[in-house]
N, C-alpha and C. Protein backbone atom coordinates (compact mmCIF):
# COMPACT_ATOMS: atom_id res chain seq x y z
N MET A 1 108.34 126.98 70.10
CA MET A 1 106.67 126.94 70.17
C MET A 1 106.21 125.47 69.82
N LEU A 2 105.92 124.68 70.68
CA LEU A 2 105.40 123.22 70.63
C LEU A 2 104.63 123.32 69.84
N ASN A 3 104.86 121.99 69.19
CA ASN A 3 104.09 121.75 67.68
C ASN A 3 103.48 120.56 67.88
N LYS A 4 102.30 120.31 66.91
CA LYS A 4 101.29 119.13 67.34
C LYS A 4 101.77 118.25 67.84
N ASN A 5 102.79 117.51 67.11
CA ASN A 5 103.55 116.37 67.52
C ASN A 5 103.67 116.19 69.06
N GLN A 6 104.37 117.32 69.67
CA GLN A 6 105.09 117.53 70.54
C GLN A 6 103.87 117.77 71.81
N ARG A 7 103.02 118.62 71.28
CA ARG A 7 101.93 118.42 72.27
C ARG A 7 101.02 116.94 72.68
N LYS A 8 100.97 116.39 71.37
CA LYS A 8 100.66 115.10 71.47
C LYS A 8 101.11 114.29 72.22
N GLN A 9 102.45 114.10 72.08
CA GLN A 9 103.74 113.36 73.09
C GLN A 9 102.87 113.81 74.36
N ILE A 10 103.12 114.97 74.96
CA ILE A 10 102.87 115.45 76.48
C ILE A 10 101.36 114.46 76.89
N CYS A 11 100.53 115.18 76.01
CA CYS A 11 99.42 114.37 76.59
C CYS A 11 99.22 113.17 76.76
N GLU A 12 99.48 112.02 75.16
CA GLU A 12 100.07 110.92 75.87
C GLU A 12 100.63 110.22 77.41
N ALA A 13 101.65 111.09 77.50
CA ALA A 13 102.76 110.74 78.67
C ALA A 13 101.74 111.15 79.97
N ASN A 14 101.17 112.09 80.04
CA ASN A 14 100.39 112.18 80.98
C ASN A 14 99.43 111.78 81.05
N LEU A 15 98.51 110.98 79.61
CA LEU A 15 97.08 110.04 80.13
C LEU A 15 97.65 108.67 80.75
N ILE A 16 98.90 108.28 80.13
CA ILE A 16 99.72 107.37 81.17
C ILE A 16 100.01 107.39 82.90
N ARG A 17 100.84 108.63 83.01
CA ARG A 17 100.81 109.20 84.27
C ARG A 17 99.25 108.98 85.45
N LEU A 18 97.96 109.25 84.38
CA LEU A 18 96.82 109.56 85.30
C LEU A 18 96.12 107.94 85.47
N ALA A 19 96.44 106.86 84.34
CA ALA A 19 95.56 105.90 84.36
C ALA A 19 96.93 104.68 85.20
N GLU A 20 98.30 105.12 85.28
CA GLU A 20 99.20 104.50 86.24
C GLU A 20 98.74 104.64 87.55
N ASN A 21 98.49 105.76 87.81
CA ASN A 21 98.34 106.26 89.07
C ASN A 21 96.93 106.34 89.21
N LYS A 22 95.91 105.66 88.69
CA LYS A 22 94.49 105.08 89.23
C LYS A 22 93.75 106.71 89.22
N GLY A 23 94.04 107.66 87.99
CA GLY A 23 93.97 108.27 87.84
C GLY A 23 91.73 108.79 87.37
N PHE A 24 91.70 108.11 86.65
CA PHE A 24 90.06 107.53 85.64
C PHE A 24 89.56 106.66 86.90
N GLN A 25 88.41 107.09 86.98
CA GLN A 25 87.61 106.18 87.75
C GLN A 25 85.84 105.85 86.49
N PHE A 26 85.97 104.58 86.22
CA PHE A 26 84.24 104.64 85.57
C PHE A 26 83.06 103.78 86.17
N THR A 27 81.84 104.32 85.52
CA THR A 27 80.84 103.50 86.67
C THR A 27 79.63 103.24 85.71
N ASP A 28 78.58 102.61 85.93
CA ASP A 28 77.30 102.25 85.22
C ASP A 28 76.50 103.16 85.46
N THR A 29 76.65 103.45 86.72
CA THR A 29 75.32 104.64 86.89
C THR A 29 76.24 106.37 86.79
N PHE A 30 77.02 106.72 87.91
CA PHE A 30 77.10 108.18 87.96
C PHE A 30 77.92 108.56 88.83
N PHE A 31 78.33 109.76 89.21
CA PHE A 31 79.34 109.82 89.81
C PHE A 31 79.31 111.61 90.32
N PRO A 32 78.82 112.20 91.78
CA PRO A 32 78.17 113.66 91.72
C PRO A 32 79.48 113.88 91.46
N TYR A 33 79.60 115.63 90.90
CA TYR A 33 80.80 116.12 90.64
C TYR A 33 80.89 117.63 91.71
N THR A 34 81.97 117.73 91.41
CA THR A 34 82.10 119.15 92.53
C THR A 34 81.22 120.16 92.44
N SER A 35 80.89 120.16 90.56
CA SER A 35 80.21 121.23 90.49
C SER A 35 78.62 121.21 90.35
N GLY A 36 78.01 119.68 90.71
CA GLY A 36 76.85 119.74 91.41
C GLY A 36 76.46 118.84 90.06
N GLN A 37 76.79 118.47 88.99
CA GLN A 37 76.77 117.57 87.51
C GLN A 37 76.73 116.23 87.83
N ILE A 38 76.38 115.40 87.48
CA ILE A 38 76.64 114.15 87.16
C ILE A 38 77.24 113.90 86.03
N GLY A 39 78.06 112.50 86.13
CA GLY A 39 78.81 111.59 84.98
C GLY A 39 78.70 110.30 84.81
N PRO A 40 79.14 109.50 83.71
CA PRO A 40 80.05 108.48 84.13
C PRO A 40 81.06 108.27 84.08
N TYR A 41 82.26 109.25 84.33
CA TYR A 41 83.56 109.22 84.80
C TYR A 41 83.92 110.16 85.58
N TYR A 42 84.71 109.85 86.11
CA TYR A 42 85.58 110.46 87.87
C TYR A 42 86.80 110.91 87.48
N VAL A 43 87.57 112.11 87.02
CA VAL A 43 89.00 112.13 87.08
C VAL A 43 90.04 112.73 88.78
N ASN A 44 90.47 112.25 88.96
CA ASN A 44 91.71 112.06 90.09
C ASN A 44 92.75 112.86 89.48
N SER A 45 92.74 114.00 89.44
CA SER A 45 94.39 114.39 88.53
C SER A 45 95.13 114.84 89.96
N GLU A 46 95.04 115.13 90.77
CA GLU A 46 96.14 115.04 91.76
C GLU A 46 96.40 113.70 92.30
N CYS A 47 96.18 112.47 91.62
CA CYS A 47 96.55 111.33 91.56
C CYS A 47 98.27 111.06 91.29
N VAL A 48 98.62 111.91 90.64
CA VAL A 48 99.93 112.20 89.70
C VAL A 48 101.14 111.94 91.24
N MET A 49 100.03 112.72 92.79
CA MET A 49 101.28 112.91 93.09
C MET A 49 101.60 111.83 94.18
N LYS A 50 101.13 110.89 93.82
CA LYS A 50 101.67 109.56 94.35
C LYS A 50 102.68 108.57 94.20
N ASN A 51 103.41 109.00 93.02
CA ASN A 51 104.53 109.01 92.48
C ASN A 51 105.67 110.07 92.11
N LYS A 52 106.50 110.12 92.77
CA LYS A 52 107.32 111.37 92.22
C LYS A 52 107.91 111.69 91.06
N ARG A 53 108.19 110.62 89.53
CA ARG A 53 108.28 110.96 88.76
C ARG A 53 107.22 111.48 88.11
N ALA A 54 106.05 110.64 87.59
CA ALA A 54 104.65 111.17 87.98
C ALA A 54 104.10 112.94 87.91
N PHE A 55 104.92 112.69 89.13
CA PHE A 55 104.44 114.34 89.50
C PHE A 55 105.22 115.50 89.15
N SER A 56 106.50 115.18 89.40
CA SER A 56 108.04 115.61 88.53
C SER A 56 107.29 115.95 86.89
N GLY A 57 106.81 115.11 86.35
CA GLY A 57 106.58 115.08 84.49
C GLY A 57 105.57 115.54 84.48
N ALA A 58 104.10 115.21 85.74
CA ALA A 58 103.42 116.51 85.25
C ALA A 58 103.42 117.58 85.45
N CYS A 59 104.20 117.98 86.51
CA CYS A 59 104.22 119.47 86.76
C CYS A 59 105.44 120.04 85.37
N LEU A 60 106.30 119.68 85.19
CA LEU A 60 107.39 119.69 84.04
C LEU A 60 106.66 119.95 82.60
N ASP A 61 105.81 119.89 82.59
CA ASP A 61 104.61 119.80 81.34
C ASP A 61 103.44 120.56 81.57
N LEU A 62 103.00 120.50 82.22
CA LEU A 62 102.14 122.16 82.51
C LEU A 62 103.09 123.00 82.72
N THR A 63 104.34 123.17 83.02
CA THR A 63 105.15 124.59 83.10
C THR A 63 105.65 124.72 81.95
N GLU A 64 106.25 123.61 81.04
CA GLU A 64 106.41 123.77 79.56
C GLU A 64 104.92 124.18 78.62
N ILE A 65 104.03 123.70 78.95
CA ILE A 65 102.99 124.52 78.19
C ILE A 65 102.97 125.55 78.35
N ILE A 66 102.86 125.88 79.64
CA ILE A 66 102.18 127.85 80.34
C ILE A 66 103.41 128.54 79.83
N ASP A 67 104.80 128.22 79.98
CA ASP A 67 105.98 128.98 79.35
C ASP A 67 106.18 129.18 77.58
N ASP A 68 106.03 127.90 77.30
CA ASP A 68 105.11 128.24 75.54
C ASP A 68 104.48 129.09 75.19
N LYS A 69 103.37 129.19 76.02
CA LYS A 69 102.35 130.29 75.81
C LYS A 69 102.33 131.96 76.04
N ILE A 70 103.29 131.75 77.49
CA ILE A 70 102.77 133.26 78.09
C ILE A 70 104.70 133.80 77.36
N GLN A 71 105.59 132.89 77.67
CA GLN A 71 107.19 133.37 77.17
C GLN A 71 107.05 135.05 78.62
N GLY A 72 107.25 134.64 78.81
CA GLY A 72 107.43 135.45 80.44
C GLY A 72 106.48 136.51 81.03
N GLU A 73 105.50 136.24 80.25
CA GLU A 73 104.39 137.84 80.37
C GLU A 73 103.64 137.15 81.53
N GLY A 74 103.93 137.44 82.00
CA GLY A 74 103.00 136.85 84.01
C GLY A 74 104.15 137.38 84.86
N ASP A 75 103.42 138.29 86.04
CA ASP A 75 103.92 138.06 87.01
C ASP A 75 104.05 136.81 88.51
N CYS A 76 102.70 136.33 88.39
CA CYS A 76 102.45 135.08 89.10
C CYS A 76 102.04 134.40 88.96
N ILE A 77 101.61 133.06 89.50
CA ILE A 77 101.58 132.12 89.38
C ILE A 77 100.13 131.66 90.22
N ALA A 78 99.20 131.86 90.17
CA ALA A 78 97.90 131.27 91.09
C ALA A 78 96.84 129.96 91.05
N GLY A 79 96.46 129.70 92.25
CA GLY A 79 95.88 128.68 92.41
C GLY A 79 94.65 128.55 92.94
N GLY A 80 94.02 127.76 93.26
CA GLY A 80 92.73 127.49 94.00
C GLY A 80 92.59 126.65 94.86
N GLU A 81 92.16 127.36 96.07
CA GLU A 81 91.79 125.81 97.54
C GLU A 81 91.58 124.76 96.46
N SER A 82 91.96 123.60 96.94
CA SER A 82 93.25 123.45 97.24
C SER A 82 94.13 122.13 96.52
N ARG A 83 92.97 121.63 95.37
CA ARG A 83 93.92 120.83 94.53
C ARG A 83 94.55 121.56 93.29
N ASP A 84 93.89 122.94 93.13
CA ASP A 84 95.00 123.68 91.98
C ASP A 84 96.27 124.03 92.88
N TRP A 85 96.24 124.33 94.33
CA TRP A 85 97.99 124.06 94.77
C TRP A 85 98.71 123.18 94.44
N VAL A 86 98.57 122.09 94.07
CA VAL A 86 99.01 121.07 93.97
C VAL A 86 99.92 121.20 92.86
N PHE A 87 99.43 121.63 91.49
CA PHE A 87 100.27 121.84 90.29
C PHE A 87 100.65 123.81 90.50
N SER A 88 99.75 124.47 90.60
CA SER A 88 100.11 126.37 90.71
C SER A 88 101.30 126.50 91.65
N ASN A 89 101.46 126.12 92.58
CA ASN A 89 102.92 126.19 93.68
C ASN A 89 104.09 125.48 92.90
N THR A 90 103.97 124.86 92.45
CA THR A 90 105.24 123.97 91.54
C THR A 90 105.39 124.64 90.09
N VAL A 91 104.74 124.70 89.49
CA VAL A 91 104.60 125.33 88.41
C VAL A 91 105.11 126.76 88.60
N ALA A 92 105.14 127.80 89.83
CA ALA A 92 105.48 128.88 90.02
C ALA A 92 106.82 128.59 90.44
N PHE A 93 107.44 127.21 90.99
CA PHE A 93 108.78 127.39 91.13
C PHE A 93 109.81 127.23 90.29
N TYR A 94 108.73 126.60 89.02
CA TYR A 94 109.35 126.27 87.90
C TYR A 94 110.19 127.24 87.23
N LEU A 95 108.97 128.00 87.28
CA LEU A 95 109.06 129.66 86.22
C LEU A 95 109.46 130.45 87.40
N LYS A 96 110.08 130.32 88.48
CA LYS A 96 110.26 131.41 89.13
C LYS A 96 109.78 132.48 89.05
N MET A 97 108.33 132.22 89.31
CA MET A 97 107.35 133.70 89.37
C MET A 97 106.75 133.32 91.07
N ALA A 98 106.50 134.14 91.32
CA ALA A 98 105.45 134.13 93.29
C ALA A 98 104.13 133.23 92.73
N PRO A 99 104.22 132.46 94.07
CA PRO A 99 103.42 131.68 93.69
C PRO A 99 101.57 132.84 94.65
N VAL A 100 100.45 132.25 94.64
CA VAL A 100 99.42 132.78 95.51
C VAL A 100 98.60 131.42 95.20
N MET A 101 97.77 131.76 96.49
CA MET A 101 97.34 130.97 96.68
C MET A 101 96.00 131.88 97.14
N ILE A 102 94.79 131.00 96.80
CA ILE A 102 93.79 131.55 96.77
C ILE A 102 92.47 130.49 97.07
N TYR A 103 92.01 130.75 98.66
CA TYR A 103 91.34 130.20 99.27
C TYR A 103 89.73 130.65 98.98
N ASN A 104 89.26 129.52 99.55
CA ASN A 104 87.56 129.13 98.97
C ASN A 104 86.39 130.58 99.49
N ASP A 105 87.08 131.08 100.63
CA ASP A 105 86.38 132.18 100.99
C ASP A 105 87.00 133.66 100.66
N GLY A 106 87.97 133.80 100.04
CA GLY A 106 88.67 135.21 99.34
C GLY A 106 89.76 135.31 99.88
N LYS A 107 90.40 134.86 100.78
CA LYS A 107 91.29 135.08 101.60
C LYS A 107 92.34 134.76 100.23
N VAL A 108 93.23 135.88 100.28
CA VAL A 108 94.88 134.91 99.08
C VAL A 108 95.98 135.40 100.04
N LEU A 109 96.59 134.25 99.73
CA LEU A 109 97.75 134.53 100.37
C LEU A 109 99.00 134.46 99.30
N GLY A 110 99.37 135.63 99.07
CA GLY A 110 100.41 136.42 98.05
C GLY A 110 99.77 137.46 97.74
N ASP A 111 100.67 138.36 96.56
CA ASP A 111 100.48 139.44 96.21
C ASP A 111 100.01 139.50 95.22
N MET A 112 98.77 139.78 94.71
CA MET A 112 98.35 140.02 92.79
C MET A 112 98.12 141.55 92.97
N ASN A 113 98.67 142.58 93.40
CA ASN A 113 98.03 144.18 93.21
C ASN A 113 98.94 144.43 92.39
N ASN A 114 98.40 144.99 90.79
CA ASN A 114 98.97 145.42 89.90
C ASN A 114 99.83 144.00 89.16
N LYS A 115 99.39 143.17 89.23
CA LYS A 115 100.19 141.95 88.82
C LYS A 115 99.31 141.30 87.71
N ARG A 116 99.78 140.48 86.84
CA ARG A 116 99.28 139.89 85.70
C ARG A 116 99.78 138.44 86.31
N VAL A 117 98.64 137.90 86.40
CA VAL A 117 98.12 136.40 86.94
C VAL A 117 97.61 135.36 86.43
N VAL A 118 98.47 135.08 86.08
CA VAL A 118 98.61 133.11 84.88
C VAL A 118 97.85 132.14 86.35
N LEU A 119 96.66 131.61 86.12
CA LEU A 119 95.88 131.17 86.80
C LEU A 119 95.88 129.52 86.48
N VAL A 120 96.28 128.72 87.50
CA VAL A 120 96.68 127.54 87.39
C VAL A 120 95.66 126.58 88.00
N CYS A 121 94.91 125.42 87.28
CA CYS A 121 94.05 124.98 87.50
C CYS A 121 94.52 123.22 87.55
N ASP A 122 93.85 122.59 88.25
CA ASP A 122 93.99 120.81 88.15
C ASP A 122 93.34 120.51 87.39
N LEU A 123 91.95 120.98 87.34
CA LEU A 123 90.56 120.33 86.37
C LEU A 123 89.43 121.29 86.13
N ASN A 124 89.47 120.56 84.74
CA ASN A 124 88.35 122.02 83.95
C ASN A 124 86.63 120.90 83.68
N ASN A 125 86.27 121.41 84.72
CA ASN A 125 84.67 120.43 84.35
C ASN A 125 83.64 121.41 84.28
N GLU A 126 83.17 121.88 84.58
CA GLU A 126 82.00 123.04 84.84
C GLU A 126 82.54 124.87 84.30
N GLY A 127 83.61 124.77 84.88
CA GLY A 127 84.55 126.46 84.94
C GLY A 127 83.87 127.06 86.17
N SER A 128 82.97 126.24 87.00
CA SER A 128 82.42 126.91 88.29
C SER A 128 83.16 127.82 89.11
N SER A 129 84.57 127.29 89.45
CA SER A 129 85.33 127.36 90.64
C SER A 129 86.20 128.88 89.75
N PRO A 130 86.59 129.04 88.46
CA PRO A 130 87.24 129.77 87.52
C PRO A 130 86.41 131.09 87.85
N ARG A 131 85.07 130.42 87.14
CA ARG A 131 84.11 131.69 87.29
C ARG A 131 83.29 132.41 88.51
N ASP A 132 83.25 131.90 89.32
CA ASP A 132 82.78 132.05 90.99
C ASP A 132 83.37 132.52 91.94
N LYS A 133 84.92 132.13 91.99
CA LYS A 133 85.67 132.31 92.53
C LYS A 133 86.70 133.09 92.42
N TRP A 134 87.61 132.76 91.38
CA TRP A 134 89.12 132.19 91.40
C TRP A 134 89.37 133.88 90.45
N VAL A 135 88.18 133.87 89.87
CA VAL A 135 88.72 135.12 88.47
C VAL A 135 88.50 136.30 89.51
N PRO A 136 87.22 136.19 90.05
CA PRO A 136 86.89 137.27 90.92
C PRO A 136 87.20 138.23 92.15
N THR A 137 88.32 136.82 92.72
CA THR A 137 89.42 137.65 93.71
C THR A 137 90.24 137.89 93.14
N ILE A 138 90.77 137.36 92.04
CA ILE A 138 92.10 137.85 91.53
C ILE A 138 91.61 139.40 91.13
N LYS A 139 90.72 139.98 90.38
CA LYS A 139 90.31 140.71 89.92
C LYS A 139 89.80 142.04 91.13
N LYS A 140 89.48 141.10 92.21
CA LYS A 140 89.13 141.91 93.37
C LYS A 140 90.82 142.41 94.51
N ALA A 141 91.88 141.75 94.11
CA ALA A 141 92.30 142.19 94.86
C ALA A 141 93.84 142.99 94.13
N GLY A 142 93.34 143.39 93.08
CA GLY A 142 93.95 144.20 91.97
C GLY A 142 94.65 143.68 90.88
N GLY A 143 94.52 142.29 90.75
CA GLY A 143 95.12 141.53 89.62
C GLY A 143 94.97 141.28 88.07
N THR A 144 95.21 141.09 87.42
CA THR A 144 94.60 141.01 86.09
C THR A 144 94.79 139.59 85.30
N VAL A 145 93.82 138.58 85.05
CA VAL A 145 94.17 137.22 84.58
C VAL A 145 93.49 137.35 82.72
N GLU A 146 94.34 136.46 82.12
CA GLU A 146 94.16 136.44 80.61
C GLU A 146 94.50 135.32 80.54
N HIS A 147 94.81 134.20 81.06
CA HIS A 147 95.32 133.12 80.79
C HIS A 147 95.08 132.20 82.42
N ILE A 148 94.51 130.66 81.87
CA ILE A 148 93.91 129.56 81.92
C ILE A 148 94.56 128.63 82.39
N PHE A 149 95.50 127.85 82.76
CA PHE A 149 95.80 126.51 82.10
C PHE A 149 95.43 125.11 83.10
N PHE A 150 95.11 124.29 82.74
CA PHE A 150 94.16 123.13 83.76
C PHE A 150 95.70 122.19 83.05
N TYR A 151 95.67 120.96 84.27
CA TYR A 151 96.36 119.60 83.95
C TYR A 151 95.57 119.20 82.88
N VAL A 152 94.40 118.91 83.36
CA VAL A 152 93.14 117.88 82.83
C VAL A 152 91.55 118.79 82.25
N ASP A 153 91.33 118.77 81.09
CA ASP A 153 90.14 119.82 80.55
C ASP A 153 89.00 118.54 80.19
N ARG A 154 87.93 118.74 80.99
CA ARG A 154 87.21 117.65 80.69
C ARG A 154 86.48 117.90 79.04
N LEU A 155 86.47 118.93 78.38
CA LEU A 155 86.39 119.83 77.03
C LEU A 155 84.35 119.54 77.41
N GLU A 156 83.76 119.95 78.66
CA GLU A 156 83.02 120.43 78.55
C GLU A 156 82.84 121.71 78.89
N ASP A 157 81.15 121.88 79.91
CA ASP A 157 80.65 123.28 79.77
C ASP A 157 81.94 123.94 80.22
N GLY A 158 82.59 123.95 80.66
CA GLY A 158 83.54 124.54 81.73
C GLY A 158 84.58 125.36 80.50
N VAL A 159 84.30 124.94 79.00
CA VAL A 159 85.23 125.39 77.91
C VAL A 159 84.67 126.77 77.33
N LYS A 160 83.05 126.70 77.27
CA LYS A 160 82.70 128.34 77.40
C LYS A 160 82.60 128.96 78.51
N GLU A 161 82.59 128.30 79.59
CA GLU A 161 82.64 129.45 80.81
C GLU A 161 84.23 130.19 80.75
N MET A 162 85.13 129.66 80.04
CA MET A 162 86.52 130.14 80.49
C MET A 162 86.42 131.01 78.92
N GLU A 163 86.22 131.21 77.80
CA GLU A 163 85.44 132.10 76.39
C GLU A 163 84.89 133.41 77.21
N LYS A 164 83.43 132.82 77.57
CA LYS A 164 82.89 133.97 78.24
C LYS A 164 83.46 135.17 79.16
N LEU A 165 84.81 134.28 80.40
CA LEU A 165 85.22 135.12 81.30
C LEU A 165 86.25 135.99 80.11
N GLY A 166 86.74 135.51 79.00
CA GLY A 166 87.92 136.34 77.95
C GLY A 166 89.55 135.67 78.12
N LEU A 167 88.95 134.50 78.80
CA LEU A 167 90.78 133.99 79.14
C LEU A 167 90.86 133.11 78.16
N TYR A 168 91.92 133.39 77.40
CA TYR A 168 93.20 131.92 77.19
C TYR A 168 93.06 130.38 78.00
N HIS A 169 93.06 129.67 77.40
CA HIS A 169 92.45 128.54 77.98
C HIS A 169 93.25 127.02 77.44
N ASP A 170 93.74 126.48 78.00
CA ASP A 170 94.87 125.30 77.47
C ASP A 170 94.99 124.42 78.43
N ALA A 171 95.54 122.85 78.43
CA ALA A 171 95.60 122.05 79.12
C ALA A 171 96.63 120.93 78.53
N VAL A 172 97.16 120.09 79.45
CA VAL A 172 98.14 119.11 79.05
C VAL A 172 97.38 118.63 78.51
N VAL A 173 96.57 117.36 79.29
CA VAL A 173 95.56 116.49 78.65
C VAL A 173 94.46 117.40 78.56
N PRO A 174 93.42 117.52 77.07
CA PRO A 174 92.47 117.74 77.14
C PRO A 174 91.62 116.80 76.84
N LEU A 175 90.48 116.02 77.50
CA LEU A 175 90.03 115.07 77.22
C LEU A 175 88.88 114.79 75.29
N ASN A 176 89.80 115.14 74.72
CA ASN A 176 88.74 114.86 74.18
C ASN A 176 89.26 113.14 72.68
N ASN A 177 88.97 113.47 71.58
CA ASN A 177 88.21 111.97 70.97
C ASN A 177 89.97 111.15 71.23
N SER A 178 90.72 111.84 70.17
CA SER A 178 92.63 111.46 70.51
C SER A 178 92.84 111.09 71.71
N ALA A 179 92.31 111.45 72.74
CA ALA A 179 93.13 111.28 74.15
C ALA A 179 92.07 109.79 74.46
N TRP A 180 90.54 109.94 74.13
CA TRP A 180 90.11 108.55 74.91
C TRP A 180 89.94 107.30 73.88
N ASP A 181 90.80 107.77 72.34
CA ASP A 181 91.23 106.61 71.77
C ASP A 181 92.45 105.68 72.26
N TYR A 182 93.27 106.88 72.58
CA TYR A 182 94.32 106.31 72.86
C TYR A 182 94.44 105.59 74.30
N LEU A 183 93.44 106.49 75.46
CA LEU A 183 93.41 105.63 76.45
C LEU A 183 93.04 104.26 76.27
N GLN A 184 92.10 103.86 75.35
CA GLN A 184 91.12 102.53 74.63
C GLN A 184 92.63 101.59 74.47
């Protein structure tokens, strides 16, 4: 079981990975988000792909957090089109689990029928993609989902959406006060 200090170290290492690869953008006005909301900063979590060490470290840390929680209690790793695939397919490989790719139009590449699905996503903002696309698609395909893991969680409205869905949720980088203090 990862302790609080280990989790803090994982978060800080990944904040550095994000910052070094220009994963944060700030503005005096606003950025429009995919969810339709606006805000003063933008997080580009897949930026870690620019550097092989950063990407490998990010995926290994995400894998460690997932494995620590699910401890073998899953049959496949699913991610949604397309940024989630950056992390979900690699995590599936590391965990020796079947990868499943969920498309925006509901198409599925992989088998989730009668499977315990672990959902892996790049970023949690408003929680609209898991709520409106990924979880309904998993259920329609005959799978069950109890866990969702994010590389970055903005700790905004998406947290409540995951709770409404009844999902255990966690992130490598929860953007809480400690994370912002560390970045400064």
